[in-house]
Amino acid sequence: MANSGNGRTRLENAIAYSIAGLLGLSVISIVAIPVVTVFFPKTPPIPVLVTFPWLGLPASALLIIVLLLMQIRSKGKNK
């Protein structure tokens, strides 16, 4: 029950979904910044919208490295 059907653990699946979520939210916020600026020029910038890509993209890059290292380690054990 700890492994899914394709040989990946629940932890690997959770990391993969976290990567997808962080990247998706980062891209959406990057697109939303100019849209909000163009359509609502008088509003002040939203701090969460501005800072999230600066935190989400590096965090997802680190998670990609962690997932890659976990995959390399598990492939080494199988041989």
PDB file of N, CA and C in Angstrom:
ATOM      1  N   MET A   1       0.807  -1.192   0.000  1.00  0.00           N
ATOM      2  CA  MET A   1       0.000   0.000   0.000  1.00  0.00           C
ATOM      3  C   MET A   1       0.861   1.271   0.000  1.00  0.00           C
ATOM      4  N   ALA A   2       2.127   1.139   0.344  1.00  0.00           N
ATOM      5  CA  ALA A   2       2.990   2.313   0.346  1.00  0.00           C
ATOM      6  C   ALA A   2       3.405   2.722  -1.060  1.00  0.00           C
ATOM      7  N   ASN A   3       3.382   1.791  -1.986  1.00  0.00           N
ATOM      8  CA  ASN A   3       3.778   2.102  -3.353  1.00  0.00           C
ATOM      9  C   ASN A   3       2.558   2.181  -4.247  1.00  0.00           C
ATOM     10  N   SER A   4       2.637   3.064  -5.217  1.00  0.00           N
ATOM     11  CA  SER A   4       1.573   3.123  -6.212  1.00  0.00           C
ATOM     12  C   SER A   4       1.868   2.093  -7.300  1.00  0.00           C
ATOM     13  N   GLY A   5       1.004   2.002  -8.269  1.00  0.00           N
ATOM     14  CA  GLY A   5       1.129   0.983  -9.292  1.00  0.00           C
ATOM     15  C   GLY A   5       2.368   1.102 -10.163  1.00  0.00           C
ATOM     16  N   ASN A   6       2.901   2.289 -10.343  1.00  0.00           N
ATOM     17  CA  ASN A   6       4.033   2.460 -11.245  1.00  0.00           C
ATOM     18  C   ASN A   6       5.372   2.432 -10.524  1.00  0.00           C
ATOM     19  N   GLY A   7       5.434   1.969  -9.281  1.00  0.00           N
ATOM     20  CA  GLY A   7       6.691   1.835  -8.575  1.00  0.00           C
ATOM     21  C   GLY A   7       7.142   3.083  -7.850  1.00  0.00           C
ATOM     22  N   ARG A   8       6.314   4.094  -7.774  1.00  0.00           N
ATOM     23  CA  ARG A   8       6.685   5.323  -7.075  1.00  0.00           C
ATOM     24  C   ARG A   8       6.043   5.329  -5.695  1.00  0.00           C
ATOM     25  N   THR A   9       6.762   5.860  -4.731  1.00  0.00           N
ATOM     26  CA  THR A   9       6.226   5.914  -3.381  1.00  0.00           C
ATOM     27  C   THR A   9       5.285   7.099  -3.231  1.00  0.00           C
ATOM     28  N   ARG A  10       4.571   7.117  -2.132  1.00  0.00           N
ATOM     29  CA  ARG A  10       3.663   8.232  -1.869  1.00  0.00           C
ATOM     30  C   ARG A  10       4.439   9.536  -1.707  1.00  0.00           C
ATOM     31  N   LEU A  11       5.624   9.452  -1.103  1.00  0.00           N
ATOM     32  CA  LEU A  11       6.441  10.651  -0.932  1.00  0.00           C
ATOM     33  C   LEU A  11       6.846  11.232  -2.277  1.00  0.00           C
ATOM     34  N   GLU A  12       7.237  10.377  -3.205  1.00  0.00           N
ATOM     35  CA  GLU A  12       7.609  10.849  -4.541  1.00  0.00           C
ATOM     36  C   GLU A  12       6.409  11.471  -5.251  1.00  0.00           C
ATOM     37  N   ASN A  13       5.246  10.863  -5.084  1.00  0.00           N
ATOM     38  CA  ASN A  13       4.042  11.435  -5.689  1.00  0.00           C
ATOM     39  C   ASN A  13       3.711  12.784  -5.070  1.00  0.00           C
ATOM     40  N   ALA A  14       3.848  12.906  -3.757  1.00  0.00           N
ATOM     41  CA  ALA A  14       3.563  14.176  -3.085  1.00  0.00           C
ATOM     42  C   ALA A  14       4.532  15.259  -3.541  1.00  0.00           C
ATOM     43  N   ILE A  15       5.794  14.905  -3.697  1.00  0.00           N
ATOM     44  CA  ILE A  15       6.784  15.878  -4.173  1.00  0.00           C
ATOM     45  C   ILE A  15       6.472  16.282  -5.612  1.00  0.00           C
ATOM     46  N   ALA A  16       6.094  15.324  -6.440  1.00  0.00           N
ATOM     47  CA  ALA A  16       5.773  15.631  -7.843  1.00  0.00           C
ATOM     48  C   ALA A  16       4.568  16.559  -7.943  1.00  0.00           C
ATOM     49  N   TYR A  17       3.541  16.299  -7.143  1.00  0.00           N
ATOM     50  CA  TYR A  17       2.368  17.180  -7.166  1.00  0.00           C
ATOM     51  C   TYR A  17       2.696  18.557  -6.583  1.00  0.00           C
ATOM     52  N   SER A  18       3.586  18.606  -5.607  1.00  0.00           N
ATOM     53  CA  SER A  18       4.000  19.900  -5.051  1.00  0.00           C
ATOM     54  C   SER A  18       4.751  20.718  -6.095  1.00  0.00           C
ATOM     55  N   ILE A  19       5.596  20.051  -6.859  1.00  0.00           N
ATOM     56  CA  ILE A  19       6.323  20.731  -7.936  1.00  0.00           C
ATOM     57  C   ILE A  19       5.338  21.310  -8.952  1.00  0.00           C
ATOM     58  N   ALA A  20       4.376  20.498  -9.347  1.00  0.00           N
ATOM     59  CA  ALA A  20       3.397  20.960 -10.336  1.00  0.00           C
ATOM     60  C   ALA A  20       2.575  22.130  -9.798  1.00  0.00           C
ATOM     61  N   GLY A  21       2.181  22.059  -8.542  1.00  0.00           N
ATOM     62  CA  GLY A  21       1.400  23.143  -7.946  1.00  0.00           C
ATOM     63  C   GLY A  21       2.188  24.429  -7.819  1.00  0.00           C
ATOM     64  N   LEU A  22       3.427  24.325  -7.344  1.00  0.00           N
ATOM     65  CA  LEU A  22       4.254  25.521  -7.204  1.00  0.00           C
ATOM     66  C   LEU A  22       4.542  26.170  -8.554  1.00  0.00           C
ATOM     67  N   LEU A  23       4.884  25.348  -9.532  1.00  0.00           N
ATOM     68  CA  LEU A  23       5.152  25.902 -10.868  1.00  0.00           C
ATOM     69  C   LEU A  23       3.903  26.530 -11.468  1.00  0.00           C
ATOM     70  N   GLY A  24       2.782  25.861 -11.318  1.00  0.00           N
ATOM     71  CA  GLY A  24       1.533  26.397 -11.861  1.00  0.00           C
ATOM     72  C   GLY A  24       1.142  27.715 -11.225  1.00  0.00           C
ATOM     73  N   LEU A  25       1.203  27.779  -9.903  1.00  0.00           N
ATOM     74  CA  LEU A  25       0.862  29.030  -9.222  1.00  0.00           C
ATOM     75  C   LEU A  25       1.854  30.145  -9.541  1.00  0.00           C
ATOM     76  N   SER A  26       3.117  29.786  -9.699  1.00  0.00           N
ATOM     77  CA  SER A  26       4.119  30.798 -10.047  1.00  0.00           C
ATOM     78  C   SER A  26       3.865  31.374 -11.432  1.00  0.00           C
ATOM     79  N   VAL A  27       3.553  30.506 -12.387  1.00  0.00           N
ATOM     80  CA  VAL A  27       3.278  30.983 -13.746  1.00  0.00           C
ATOM     81  C   VAL A  27       2.008  31.829 -13.770  1.00  0.00           C
ATOM     82  N   ILE A  28       0.984  31.393 -13.046  1.00  0.00           N
ATOM     83  CA  ILE A  28      -0.254  32.176 -12.992  1.00  0.00           C
ATOM     84  C   ILE A  28      -0.008  33.541 -12.379  1.00  0.00           C
ATOM     85  N   SER A  29       0.792  33.615 -11.320  1.00  0.00           N
ATOM     86  CA  SER A  29       1.050  34.915 -10.709  1.00  0.00           C
ATOM     87  C   SER A  29       1.937  35.784 -11.591  1.00  0.00           C
ATOM     88  N   ILE A  30       2.862  35.182 -12.352  1.00  0.00           N
ATOM     89  CA  ILE A  30       3.678  35.959 -13.281  1.00  0.00           C
ATOM     90  C   ILE A  30       2.804  36.564 -14.375  1.00  0.00           C
ATOM     91  N   VAL A  31       1.822  35.814 -14.849  1.00  0.00           N
ATOM     92  CA  VAL A  31       0.911  36.325 -15.864  1.00  0.00           C
ATOM     93  C   VAL A  31      -0.043  37.351 -15.271  1.00  0.00           C
ATOM     94  N   ALA A  32      -0.441  37.159 -14.022  1.00  0.00           N
ATOM     95  CA  ALA A  32      -1.426  38.046 -13.396  1.00  0.00           C
ATOM     96  C   ALA A  32      -0.859  39.428 -13.083  1.00  0.00           C
ATOM     97  N   ILE A  33       0.424  39.537 -12.845  1.00  0.00           N
ATOM     98  CA  ILE A  33       1.019  40.834 -12.491  1.00  0.00           C
ATOM     99  C   ILE A  33       0.812  41.863 -13.604  1.00  0.00           C
ATOM    100  N   PRO A  34       1.192  41.587 -14.865  1.00  0.00           N
ATOM    101  CA  PRO A  34       0.935  42.592 -15.902  1.00  0.00           C
ATOM    102  C   PRO A  34      -0.549  42.802 -16.193  1.00  0.00           C
ATOM    103  N   VAL A  35      -1.340  41.735 -16.060  1.00  0.00           N
ATOM    104  CA  VAL A  35      -2.778  41.879 -16.316  1.00  0.00           C
ATOM    105  C   VAL A  35      -3.402  42.831 -15.307  1.00  0.00           C
ATOM    106  N   VAL A  36      -3.074  42.650 -14.033  1.00  0.00           N
ATOM    107  CA  VAL A  36      -3.604  43.536 -12.990  1.00  0.00           C
ATOM    108  C   VAL A  36      -3.086  44.949 -13.192  1.00  0.00           C
ATOM    109  N   THR A  37      -1.837  45.089 -13.598  1.00  0.00           N
ATOM    110  CA  THR A  37      -1.257  46.418 -13.812  1.00  0.00           C
ATOM    111  C   THR A  37      -1.934  47.145 -14.973  1.00  0.00           C
ATOM    112  N   VAL A  38      -2.249  46.420 -16.038  1.00  0.00           N
ATOM    113  CA  VAL A  38      -2.865  47.047 -17.202  1.00  0.00           C
ATOM    114  C   VAL A  38      -4.325  47.404 -16.944  1.00  0.00           C
ATOM    115  N   PHE A  39      -5.072  46.476 -16.370  1.00  0.00           N
ATOM    116  CA  PHE A  39      -6.506  46.700 -16.222  1.00  0.00           C
ATOM    117  C   PHE A  39      -6.887  47.479 -14.967  1.00  0.00           C
ATOM    118  N   PHE A  40      -6.029  47.496 -13.965  1.00  0.00           N
ATOM    119  CA  PHE A  40      -6.296  48.245 -12.733  1.00  0.00           C
ATOM    120  C   PHE A  40      -5.074  49.088 -12.387  1.00  0.00           C
ATOM    121  N   PRO A  41      -4.825  50.165 -13.135  1.00  0.00           N
ATOM    122  CA  PRO A  41      -3.583  50.926 -12.953  1.00  0.00           C
ATOM    123  C   PRO A  41      -3.511  51.687 -11.628  1.00  0.00           C
ATOM    124  N   LYS A  42      -4.622  51.995 -11.007  1.00  0.00           N
ATOM    125  CA  LYS A  42      -4.607  52.791  -9.773  1.00  0.00           C
ATOM    126  C   LYS A  42      -4.398  51.950  -8.516  1.00  0.00           C
ATOM    127  N   THR A  43      -4.518  50.635  -8.625  1.00  0.00           N
ATOM    128  CA  THR A  43      -4.391  49.808  -7.427  1.00  0.00           C
ATOM    129  C   THR A  43      -2.926  49.592  -7.069  1.00  0.00           C
ATOM    130  N   PRO A  44      -2.619  49.522  -5.779  1.00  0.00           N
ATOM    131  CA  PRO A  44      -1.238  49.223  -5.381  1.00  0.00           C
ATOM    132  C   PRO A  44      -0.918  47.757  -5.685  1.00  0.00           C
ATOM    133  N   PRO A  45       0.351  47.429  -5.834  1.00  0.00           N
ATOM    134  CA  PRO A  45       0.704  46.033  -6.138  1.00  0.00           C
ATOM    135  C   PRO A  45       0.348  45.109  -4.969  1.00  0.00           C
ATOM    136  N   ILE A  46      -0.094  43.923  -5.299  1.00  0.00           N
ATOM    137  CA  ILE A  46      -0.460  42.932  -4.294  1.00  0.00           C
ATOM    138  C   ILE A  46       0.817  42.197  -3.882  1.00  0.00           C
ATOM    139  N   PRO A  47       1.206  42.269  -2.609  1.00  0.00           N
ATOM    140  CA  PRO A  47       2.489  41.681  -2.189  1.00  0.00           C
ATOM    141  C   PRO A  47       2.602  40.175  -2.443  1.00  0.00           C
ATOM    142  N   VAL A  48       1.527  39.441  -2.238  1.00  0.00           N
ATOM    143  CA  VAL A  48       1.594  37.990  -2.448  1.00  0.00           C
ATOM    144  C   VAL A  48       1.822  37.678  -3.912  1.00  0.00           C
ATOM    145  N   LEU A  49       1.170  38.418  -4.782  1.00  0.00           N
ATOM    146  CA  LEU A  49       1.301  38.189  -6.215  1.00  0.00           C
ATOM    147  C   LEU A  49       2.714  38.494  -6.700  1.00  0.00           C
ATOM    148  N   VAL A  50       3.326  39.501  -6.096  1.00  0.00           N
ATOM    149  CA  VAL A  50       4.658  39.915  -6.532  1.00  0.00           C
ATOM    150  C   VAL A  50       5.737  38.993  -5.975  1.00  0.00           C
ATOM    151  N   THR A  51       5.592  38.527  -4.737  1.00  0.00           N
ATOM    152  CA  THR A  51       6.660  37.746  -4.115  1.00  0.00           C
ATOM    153  C   THR A  51       6.551  36.249  -4.356  1.00  0.00           C
ATOM    154  N   PHE A  52       5.382  35.749  -4.730  1.00  0.00           N
ATOM    155  CA  PHE A  52       5.241  34.301  -4.866  1.00  0.00           C
ATOM    156  C   PHE A  52       6.155  33.690  -5.918  1.00  0.00           C
ATOM    157  N   PRO A  53       6.316  34.274  -7.110  1.00  0.00           N
ATOM    158  CA  PRO A  53       7.243  33.659  -8.077  1.00  0.00           C
ATOM    159  C   PRO A  53       8.680  33.616  -7.580  1.00  0.00           C
ATOM    160  N   TRP A  54       9.078  34.612  -6.789  1.00  0.00           N
ATOM    161  CA  TRP A  54      10.440  34.634  -6.258  1.00  0.00           C
ATOM    162  C   TRP A  54      10.673  33.511  -5.252  1.00  0.00           C
ATOM    163  N   LEU A  55       9.628  33.011  -4.642  1.00  0.00           N
ATOM    164  CA  LEU A  55       9.750  31.914  -3.693  1.00  0.00           C
ATOM    165  C   LEU A  55       9.351  30.572  -4.306  1.00  0.00           C
ATOM    166  N   GLY A  56       8.343  30.578  -5.143  1.00  0.00           N
ATOM    167  CA  GLY A  56       7.821  29.338  -5.705  1.00  0.00           C
ATOM    168  C   GLY A  56       8.737  28.686  -6.728  1.00  0.00           C
ATOM    169  N   LEU A  57       9.361  29.479  -7.572  1.00  0.00           N
ATOM    170  CA  LEU A  57      10.232  28.907  -8.605  1.00  0.00           C
ATOM    171  C   LEU A  57      11.497  28.267  -8.017  1.00  0.00           C
ATOM    172  N   PRO A  58      12.221  28.928  -7.097  1.00  0.00           N
ATOM    173  CA  PRO A  58      13.371  28.246  -6.501  1.00  0.00           C
ATOM    174  C   PRO A  58      12.980  27.023  -5.661  1.00  0.00           C
ATOM    175  N   ALA A  59      11.842  27.119  -4.964  1.00  0.00           N
ATOM    176  CA  ALA A  59      11.394  25.972  -4.170  1.00  0.00           C
ATOM    177  C   ALA A  59      11.067  24.789  -5.071  1.00  0.00           C
ATOM    178  N   SER A  60      10.439  25.035  -6.199  1.00  0.00           N
ATOM    179  CA  SER A  60      10.135  23.939  -7.115  1.00  0.00           C
ATOM    180  C   SER A  60      11.413  23.386  -7.750  1.00  0.00           C
ATOM    181  N   ALA A  61      12.392  24.229  -8.000  1.00  0.00           N
ATOM    182  CA  ALA A  61      13.672  23.739  -8.528  1.00  0.00           C
ATOM    183  C   ALA A  61      14.361  22.827  -7.516  1.00  0.00           C
ATOM    184  N   LEU A  62      14.318  23.219  -6.247  1.00  0.00           N
ATOM    185  CA  LEU A  62      14.903  22.366  -5.208  1.00  0.00           C
ATOM    186  C   LEU A  62      14.153  21.039  -5.095  1.00  0.00           C
ATOM    187  N   LEU A  63      12.839  21.088  -5.201  1.00  0.00           N
ATOM    188  CA  LEU A  63      12.062  19.851  -5.144  1.00  0.00           C
ATOM    189  C   LEU A  63      12.341  18.954  -6.346  1.00  0.00           C
ATOM    190  N   ILE A  64      12.598  19.547  -7.504  1.00  0.00           N
ATOM    191  CA  ILE A  64      12.963  18.750  -8.678  1.00  0.00           C
ATOM    192  C   ILE A  64      14.290  18.038  -8.437  1.00  0.00           C
ATOM    193  N   ILE A  65      15.242  18.734  -7.841  1.00  0.00           N
ATOM    194  CA  ILE A  65      16.535  18.122  -7.531  1.00  0.00           C
ATOM    195  C   ILE A  65      16.365  17.005  -6.517  1.00  0.00           C
ATOM    196  N   VAL A  66      15.542  17.235  -5.486  1.00  0.00           N
ATOM    197  CA  VAL A  66      15.296  16.206  -4.480  1.00  0.00           C
ATOM    198  C   VAL A  66      14.649  14.982  -5.121  1.00  0.00           C
ATOM    199  N   LEU A  67      13.659  15.192  -5.967  1.00  0.00           N
ATOM    200  CA  LEU A  67      12.993  14.074  -6.635  1.00  0.00           C
ATOM    201  C   LEU A  67      13.965  13.331  -7.546  1.00  0.00           C
ATOM    202  N   LEU A  68      14.820  14.060  -8.239  1.00  0.00           N
ATOM    203  CA  LEU A  68      15.812  13.426  -9.096  1.00  0.00           C
ATOM    204  C   LEU A  68      16.777  12.572  -8.281  1.00  0.00           C
ATOM    205  N   LEU A  69      17.239  13.091  -7.148  1.00  0.00           N
ATOM    206  CA  LEU A  69      18.148  12.322  -6.296  1.00  0.00           C
ATOM    207  C   LEU A  69      17.459  11.082  -5.722  1.00  0.00           C
ATOM    208  N   MET A  70      16.183  11.210  -5.373  1.00  0.00           N
ATOM    209  CA  MET A  70      15.448  10.047  -4.878  1.00  0.00           C
ATOM    210  C   MET A  70      15.313   8.984  -5.961  1.00  0.00           C
ATOM    211  N   GLN A  71      15.076   9.408  -7.179  1.00  0.00           N
ATOM    212  CA  GLN A  71      14.955   8.452  -8.292  1.00  0.00           C
ATOM    213  C   GLN A  71      16.286   7.772  -8.586  1.00  0.00           C
ATOM    214  N   ILE A  72      17.376   8.535  -8.548  1.00  0.00           N
ATOM    215  CA  ILE A  72      18.696   7.953  -8.790  1.00  0.00           C
ATOM    216  C   ILE A  72      19.025   6.932  -7.707  1.00  0.00           C
ATOM    217  N   ARG A  73      18.707   7.276  -6.467  1.00  0.00           N
ATOM    218  CA  ARG A  73      18.977   6.378  -5.349  1.00  0.00           C
ATOM    219  C   ARG A  73      18.155   5.095  -5.456  1.00  0.00           C
ATOM    220  N   SER A  74      16.893   5.220  -5.824  1.00  0.00           N
ATOM    221  CA  SER A  74      16.060   4.020  -5.928  1.00  0.00           C
ATOM    222  C   SER A  74      16.468   3.160  -7.127  1.00  0.00           C
ATOM    223  N   LYS A  75      16.899   3.765  -8.205  1.00  0.00           N
ATOM    224  CA  LYS A  75      17.367   2.984  -9.353  1.00  0.00           C
ATOM    225  C   LYS A  75      18.671   2.270  -9.023  1.00  0.00           C
ATOM    226  N   GLY A  76      19.512   2.889  -8.188  1.00  0.00           N
ATOM    227  CA  GLY A  76      20.757   2.246  -7.784  1.00  0.00           C
ATOM    228  C   GLY A  76      20.520   1.047  -6.884  1.00  0.00           C
ATOM    229  N   LYS A  77      19.486   1.111  -6.053  1.00  0.00           N
ATOM    230  CA  LYS A  77      19.168  -0.010  -5.167  1.00  0.00           C
ATOM    231  C   LYS A  77      18.613  -1.201  -5.948  1.00  0.00           C
ATOM    232  N   ASN A  78      17.902  -0.915  -7.027  1.00  0.00           N
ATOM    233  CA  ASN A  78      17.280  -1.981  -7.810  1.00  0.00           C
ATOM    234  C   ASN A  78      18.282  -2.805  -8.601  1.00  0.00           C
ATOM    235  N   LYS A  79      19.428  -2.249  -8.904  1.00  0.00           N
ATOM    236  CA  LYS A  79      20.415  -2.968  -9.718  1.00  0.00           C
ATOM    237  C   LYS A  79      21.243  -3.922  -8.925  1.00  0.00           C
TER     238      LYS A  79
END
